[in-house]
């Protein structure tokens, strides 16, 4: 993988991580940790289960 490709992948990964963290924070603050599901975060962010894990 070239340096340019690696940097692009890192930026994309960082953006995805931020989307997930934002959605998780909102859901947890609204409903609590125990009531927040991974499926809910997938639906809110459009990230697949395989992309999550």
N, C-alpha and C. Protein backbone atom coordinates (compact mmCIF):
# COMPACT_ATOMS: atom_id res chain seq x y z
N UNK A 1 0.86 -1.17 0.00
CA UNK A 1 0.00 0.00 0.00
C UNK A 1 0.90 1.23 0.00
N UNK A 2 0.60 2.18 -0.85
CA UNK A 2 1.41 3.39 -0.91
C UNK A 2 1.10 4.31 0.26
N UNK A 3 1.98 5.28 0.49
CA UNK A 3 1.76 6.25 1.57
C UNK A 3 0.49 7.04 1.34
N UNK A 4 0.19 7.38 0.09
CA UNK A 4 -1.02 8.16 -0.23
C UNK A 4 -2.26 7.34 0.11
N UNK A 5 -2.27 6.08 -0.27
CA UNK A 5 -3.41 5.20 0.02
C UNK A 5 -3.57 5.02 1.52
N UNK A 6 -2.48 4.83 2.22
CA UNK A 6 -2.54 4.63 3.67
C UNK A 6 -3.11 5.87 4.35
N UNK A 7 -2.71 7.05 3.92
CA UNK A 7 -3.23 8.28 4.51
C UNK A 7 -4.72 8.43 4.24
N UNK A 8 -5.15 8.10 3.02
CA UNK A 8 -6.58 8.18 2.68
C UNK A 8 -7.37 7.23 3.55
N UNK A 9 -6.88 6.00 3.71
CA UNK A 9 -7.56 5.01 4.54
C UNK A 9 -7.65 5.47 5.98
N UNK A 10 -6.61 6.09 6.48
CA UNK A 10 -6.60 6.58 7.85
C UNK A 10 -7.62 7.69 8.03
N UNK A 11 -7.71 8.61 7.08
CA UNK A 11 -8.70 9.69 7.18
C UNK A 11 -10.11 9.11 7.17
N UNK A 12 -10.34 8.14 6.29
CA UNK A 12 -11.66 7.52 6.21
C UNK A 12 -11.97 6.80 7.52
N UNK A 13 -10.99 6.09 8.05
CA UNK A 13 -11.18 5.38 9.31
C UNK A 13 -11.47 6.33 10.46
N UNK A 14 -10.77 7.45 10.47
CA UNK A 14 -10.99 8.45 11.52
C UNK A 14 -12.39 9.05 11.42
N UNK A 15 -12.85 9.32 10.21
CA UNK A 15 -14.19 9.88 10.02
C UNK A 15 -15.25 8.88 10.48
N UNK A 16 -15.05 7.62 10.14
CA UNK A 16 -15.98 6.56 10.55
C UNK A 16 -16.01 6.44 12.07
N UNK A 17 -14.85 6.45 12.67
CA UNK A 17 -14.75 6.35 14.13
C UNK A 17 -15.49 7.52 14.80
N UNK A 18 -15.31 8.71 14.27
CA UNK A 18 -15.97 9.88 14.84
C UNK A 18 -17.50 9.78 14.70
N UNK A 19 -17.98 9.30 13.55
CA UNK A 19 -19.43 9.12 13.37
C UNK A 19 -19.98 8.14 14.40
N UNK A 20 -19.27 7.04 14.59
CA UNK A 20 -19.71 6.05 15.58
C UNK A 20 -19.68 6.61 17.00
N UNK A 21 -18.62 7.30 17.34
CA UNK A 21 -18.52 7.85 18.69
C UNK A 21 -19.59 8.91 18.94
N UNK A 22 -19.87 9.73 17.96
CA UNK A 22 -20.92 10.75 18.11
C UNK A 22 -22.29 10.10 18.31
N UNK A 23 -22.58 9.07 17.50
CA UNK A 23 -23.86 8.39 17.62
C UNK A 23 -23.96 7.67 18.97
N UNK A 24 -22.88 7.03 19.38
CA UNK A 24 -22.88 6.31 20.66
C UNK A 24 -23.06 7.27 21.83
N UNK A 25 -22.35 8.38 21.78
CA UNK A 25 -22.48 9.36 22.86
C UNK A 25 -23.91 9.87 22.98
N UNK A 26 -24.52 10.21 21.85
CA UNK A 26 -25.90 10.71 21.86
C UNK A 26 -26.86 9.67 22.43
N UNK A 27 -26.73 8.43 21.94
CA UNK A 27 -27.63 7.37 22.38
C UNK A 27 -27.45 7.06 23.86
N UNK A 28 -26.21 7.00 24.32
CA UNK A 28 -25.95 6.68 25.72
C UNK A 28 -26.44 7.79 26.64
N UNK A 29 -26.21 9.03 26.25
CA UNK A 29 -26.68 10.14 27.08
C UNK A 29 -28.21 10.21 27.12
N UNK A 30 -28.83 9.82 26.01
CA UNK A 30 -30.30 9.87 25.94
C UNK A 30 -30.96 8.72 26.69
N UNK A 31 -30.42 7.49 26.51
CA UNK A 31 -31.11 6.31 27.04
C UNK A 31 -30.31 5.52 28.06
N UNK A 32 -29.04 5.79 28.16
CA UNK A 32 -28.19 5.01 29.06
C UNK A 32 -27.43 3.93 28.31
N UNK A 33 -26.35 3.49 28.93
CA UNK A 33 -25.48 2.49 28.31
C UNK A 33 -26.19 1.17 28.05
N UNK A 34 -26.90 0.68 29.04
CA UNK A 34 -27.55 -0.63 28.94
C UNK A 34 -28.64 -0.66 27.86
N UNK A 35 -29.23 0.47 27.56
CA UNK A 35 -30.33 0.51 26.58
C UNK A 35 -29.84 0.83 25.17
N UNK A 36 -28.56 1.02 24.98
CA UNK A 36 -28.00 1.35 23.67
C UNK A 36 -27.46 0.07 23.04
N UNK A 37 -27.85 -0.19 21.79
CA UNK A 37 -27.41 -1.41 21.12
C UNK A 37 -26.49 -1.09 19.94
N UNK A 38 -25.67 -2.06 19.60
CA UNK A 38 -24.81 -1.93 18.43
C UNK A 38 -25.65 -1.81 17.17
N UNK A 39 -26.75 -2.57 17.10
CA UNK A 39 -27.65 -2.49 15.94
C UNK A 39 -28.18 -1.07 15.76
N UNK A 40 -28.49 -0.41 16.85
CA UNK A 40 -28.96 0.97 16.79
C UNK A 40 -27.87 1.90 16.23
N UNK A 41 -26.64 1.67 16.63
CA UNK A 41 -25.53 2.49 16.13
C UNK A 41 -25.29 2.24 14.65
N UNK A 42 -25.45 1.00 14.22
CA UNK A 42 -25.32 0.68 12.79
C UNK A 42 -26.37 1.44 11.99
N UNK A 43 -27.60 1.42 12.47
CA UNK A 43 -28.69 2.09 11.77
C UNK A 43 -28.46 3.60 11.72
N UNK A 44 -27.96 4.16 12.80
CA UNK A 44 -27.76 5.61 12.88
C UNK A 44 -26.62 6.10 12.02
N UNK A 45 -25.61 5.26 11.81
CA UNK A 45 -24.41 5.69 11.10
C UNK A 45 -24.29 5.12 9.69
N UNK A 46 -25.05 4.07 9.39
CA UNK A 46 -24.93 3.44 8.08
C UNK A 46 -23.71 2.53 7.95
N UNK A 47 -23.10 2.21 9.07
CA UNK A 47 -21.93 1.33 9.07
C UNK A 47 -22.39 -0.10 9.25
N UNK A 48 -21.87 -1.00 8.44
CA UNK A 48 -22.25 -2.40 8.53
C UNK A 48 -21.65 -3.05 9.77
N UNK A 49 -22.21 -4.19 10.14
CA UNK A 49 -21.67 -4.91 11.30
C UNK A 49 -20.22 -5.31 11.05
N UNK A 50 -19.92 -5.77 9.84
CA UNK A 50 -18.55 -6.16 9.55
C UNK A 50 -17.62 -4.95 9.58
N UNK A 51 -18.10 -3.80 9.19
CA UNK A 51 -17.30 -2.58 9.28
C UNK A 51 -17.07 -2.14 10.71
N UNK A 52 -18.02 -2.45 11.55
CA UNK A 52 -17.92 -2.10 12.97
C UNK A 52 -16.88 -2.97 13.67
N UNK A 53 -16.97 -4.27 13.43
CA UNK A 53 -16.07 -5.21 14.10
C UNK A 53 -14.79 -5.35 13.34
